[in-house]
């Protein structure tokens, strides 16, 4: 049996972070190892817990998901970053994919 995927959830809305965490923790092969409210908090958390995957909102105050993606490419190459958004914004999707989003 393989170890569960360790991930962090990053979103500026606490209710959404908690809801995603509760949903993800129902999966046998996923363990949520932390939550952060923006990209700056996420970078500190990544350094502390070394997740396998970062699941982040695309739009947040402070450092948004695209900023976090760029910082992860520089500081943690190879760490998959998955961006979530509720906005129908093709430019955002293109920027995320060009930036290396998983």
C-alpha atoms as a PDB file:
ATOM      1  CA  UNK A   1       0.000   0.000   0.000  1.00  0.00           C
ATOM      2  CA  UNK A   2       1.328   3.441  -0.921  1.00  0.00           C
ATOM      3  CA  UNK A   3       1.395   6.368   1.459  1.00  0.00           C
ATOM      4  CA  UNK A   4      -1.369   8.945   1.093  1.00  0.00           C
ATOM      5  CA  UNK A   5      -0.718  12.108  -0.905  1.00  0.00           C
ATOM      6  CA  UNK A   6       0.103  14.919   1.528  1.00  0.00           C
ATOM      7  CA  UNK A   7      -1.357  18.239   0.491  1.00  0.00           C
ATOM      8  CA  UNK A   8      -2.060  21.717   1.756  1.00  0.00           C
ATOM      9  CA  UNK A   9      -5.166  23.772   1.030  1.00  0.00           C
ATOM     10  CA  UNK A  10      -4.710  27.499   0.366  1.00  0.00           C
ATOM     11  CA  UNK A  11      -7.684  29.874   0.196  1.00  0.00           C
ATOM     12  CA  UNK A  12      -8.459  33.244   1.730  1.00  0.00           C
ATOM     13  CA  UNK A  13     -11.951  32.086   2.733  1.00  0.00           C
ATOM     14  CA  UNK A  14     -11.707  30.022   5.899  1.00  0.00           C
ATOM     15  CA  UNK A  15     -15.063  28.304   5.335  1.00  0.00           C
ATOM     16  CA  UNK A  16     -13.972  27.107   1.903  1.00  0.00           C
ATOM     17  CA  UNK A  17     -10.603  25.889   3.264  1.00  0.00           C
ATOM     18  CA  UNK A  18     -12.355  23.910   5.969  1.00  0.00           C
ATOM     19  CA  UNK A  19     -14.931  22.507   3.562  1.00  0.00           C
ATOM     20  CA  UNK A  20     -12.299  21.395   1.048  1.00  0.00           C
ATOM     21  CA  UNK A  21     -10.259  19.877   3.848  1.00  0.00           C
ATOM     22  CA  UNK A  22     -13.247  17.921   5.172  1.00  0.00           C
ATOM     23  CA  UNK A  23     -14.067  16.669   1.672  1.00  0.00           C
ATOM     24  CA  UNK A  24     -10.477  15.701   0.858  1.00  0.00           C
ATOM     25  CA  UNK A  25     -10.020  13.902   4.164  1.00  0.00           C
ATOM     26  CA  UNK A  26     -12.812  11.484   3.207  1.00  0.00           C
ATOM     27  CA  UNK A  27     -10.416  10.068   0.595  1.00  0.00           C
ATOM     28  CA  UNK A  28      -8.211   7.195   1.742  1.00  0.00           C
ATOM     29  CA  UNK A  29      -5.266   8.259  -0.393  1.00  0.00           C
ATOM     30  CA  UNK A  30      -5.160  11.952   0.668  1.00  0.00           C
ATOM     31  CA  UNK A  31      -3.991  13.592   3.891  1.00  0.00           C
ATOM     32  CA  UNK A  32      -4.364  17.338   4.381  1.00  0.00           C
ATOM     33  CA  UNK A  33      -1.248  18.399   6.293  1.00  0.00           C
ATOM     34  CA  UNK A  34      -2.096  22.097   6.575  1.00  0.00           C
ATOM     35  CA  UNK A  35      -4.093  25.120   5.521  1.00  0.00           C
ATOM     36  CA  UNK A  36      -3.090  28.672   4.652  1.00  0.00           C
ATOM     37  CA  UNK A  37      -5.011  31.877   3.948  1.00  0.00           C
ATOM     38  CA  UNK A  38      -2.735  33.301   1.233  1.00  0.00           C
ATOM     39  CA  UNK A  39       0.421  32.624  -0.740  1.00  0.00           C
ATOM     40  CA  UNK A  40       2.780  34.065   1.869  1.00  0.00           C
ATOM     41  CA  UNK A  41       1.357  31.799   4.584  1.00  0.00           C
ATOM     42  CA  UNK A  42       1.479  28.888   2.153  1.00  0.00           C
ATOM     43  CA  UNK A  43       5.194  29.332   1.445  1.00  0.00           C
ATOM     44  CA  UNK A  44       5.979  29.175   5.157  1.00  0.00           C
ATOM     45  CA  UNK A  45       3.748  26.119   5.523  1.00  0.00           C
ATOM     46  CA  UNK A  46       5.355  24.389   2.540  1.00  0.00           C
ATOM     47  CA  UNK A  47       8.784  24.860   4.114  1.00  0.00           C
ATOM     48  CA  UNK A  48       7.496  23.470   7.421  1.00  0.00           C
ATOM     49  CA  UNK A  49       5.520  20.405   6.268  1.00  0.00           C
ATOM     50  CA  UNK A  50       6.899  19.520   2.792  1.00  0.00           C
ATOM     51  CA  UNK A  51       3.606  18.586   1.116  1.00  0.00           C
ATOM     52  CA  UNK A  52       3.354  16.486  -2.027  1.00  0.00           C
ATOM     53  CA  UNK A  53       0.792  18.849  -3.613  1.00  0.00           C
ATOM     54  CA  UNK A  54      -0.459  22.404  -3.125  1.00  0.00           C
ATOM     55  CA  UNK A  55      -4.149  23.057  -3.819  1.00  0.00           C
ATOM     56  CA  UNK A  56      -4.686  26.818  -4.034  1.00  0.00           C
ATOM     57  CA  UNK A  57      -7.285  29.395  -4.898  1.00  0.00           C
ATOM     58  CA  UNK A  58      -6.243  31.480  -7.882  1.00  0.00           C
ATOM     59  CA  UNK A  59      -7.457  34.822  -6.491  1.00  0.00           C
ATOM     60  CA  UNK A  60      -6.540  35.900  -2.975  1.00  0.00           C
ATOM     61  CA  UNK A  61      -5.371  39.139  -1.379  1.00  0.00           C
ATOM     62  CA  UNK A  62      -1.666  39.448  -0.695  1.00  0.00           C
ATOM     63  CA  UNK A  63       0.031  36.752  -2.733  1.00  0.00           C
ATOM     64  CA  UNK A  64      -2.513  35.090  -5.014  1.00  0.00           C
ATOM     65  CA  UNK A  65      -2.390  31.629  -6.549  1.00  0.00           C
ATOM     66  CA  UNK A  66      -0.369  32.733  -9.576  1.00  0.00           C
ATOM     67  CA  UNK A  67       2.186  34.400  -7.302  1.00  0.00           C
ATOM     68  CA  UNK A  68       2.331  31.264  -5.172  1.00  0.00           C
ATOM     69  CA  UNK A  69       2.771  29.151  -8.301  1.00  0.00           C
ATOM     70  CA  UNK A  70       5.715  31.290  -9.439  1.00  0.00           C
ATOM     71  CA  UNK A  71       7.305  31.223  -5.977  1.00  0.00           C
ATOM     72  CA  UNK A  72       6.915  27.441  -5.778  1.00  0.00           C
ATOM     73  CA  UNK A  73       8.562  26.994  -9.210  1.00  0.00           C
ATOM     74  CA  UNK A  74      11.525  29.001  -7.900  1.00  0.00           C
ATOM     75  CA  UNK A  75      11.777  27.680  -4.330  1.00  0.00           C
ATOM     76  CA  UNK A  76      10.284  24.191  -4.624  1.00  0.00           C
ATOM     77  CA  UNK A  77      10.788  22.965  -8.204  1.00  0.00           C
ATOM     78  CA  UNK A  78       8.786  19.875  -8.980  1.00  0.00           C
ATOM     79  CA  UNK A  79       6.109  20.550  -6.346  1.00  0.00           C
ATOM     80  CA  UNK A  80       2.742  20.230  -8.115  1.00  0.00           C
ATOM     81  CA  UNK A  81       0.472  23.244  -7.663  1.00  0.00           C
ATOM     82  CA  UNK A  82      -3.212  22.918  -8.551  1.00  0.00           C
ATOM     83  CA  UNK A  83      -5.134  26.188  -8.956  1.00  0.00           C
ATOM     84  CA  UNK A  84      -8.851  26.430  -8.291  1.00  0.00           C
ATOM     85  CA  UNK A  85     -11.118  29.239  -9.413  1.00  0.00           C
ATOM     86  CA  UNK A  86     -14.803  29.963  -9.748  1.00  0.00           C
ATOM     87  CA  UNK A  87     -14.163  32.709 -12.289  1.00  0.00           C
ATOM     88  CA  UNK A  88     -14.634  32.153 -16.029  1.00  0.00           C
ATOM     89  CA  UNK A  89     -11.337  33.800 -16.943  1.00  0.00           C
ATOM     90  CA  UNK A  90      -9.449  32.292 -19.882  1.00  0.00           C
ATOM     91  CA  UNK A  91      -6.433  34.569 -19.318  1.00  0.00           C
ATOM     92  CA  UNK A  92      -6.122  33.282 -15.763  1.00  0.00           C
ATOM     93  CA  UNK A  93      -6.279  29.682 -16.964  1.00  0.00           C
ATOM     94  CA  UNK A  94      -3.672  30.366 -19.663  1.00  0.00           C
ATOM     95  CA  UNK A  95      -1.375  32.116 -17.182  1.00  0.00           C
ATOM     96  CA  UNK A  96      -1.704  29.223 -14.733  1.00  0.00           C
ATOM     97  CA  UNK A  97      -0.903  26.621 -17.369  1.00  0.00           C
ATOM     98  CA  UNK A  98       2.013  28.639 -18.755  1.00  0.00           C
ATOM     99  CA  UNK A  99       3.266  29.038 -15.190  1.00  0.00           C
ATOM    100  CA  UNK A 100       3.327  25.289 -14.733  1.00  0.00           C
ATOM    101  CA  UNK A 101       0.118  24.601 -12.810  1.00  0.00           C
ATOM    102  CA  UNK A 102      -0.739  20.923 -12.499  1.00  0.00           C
END
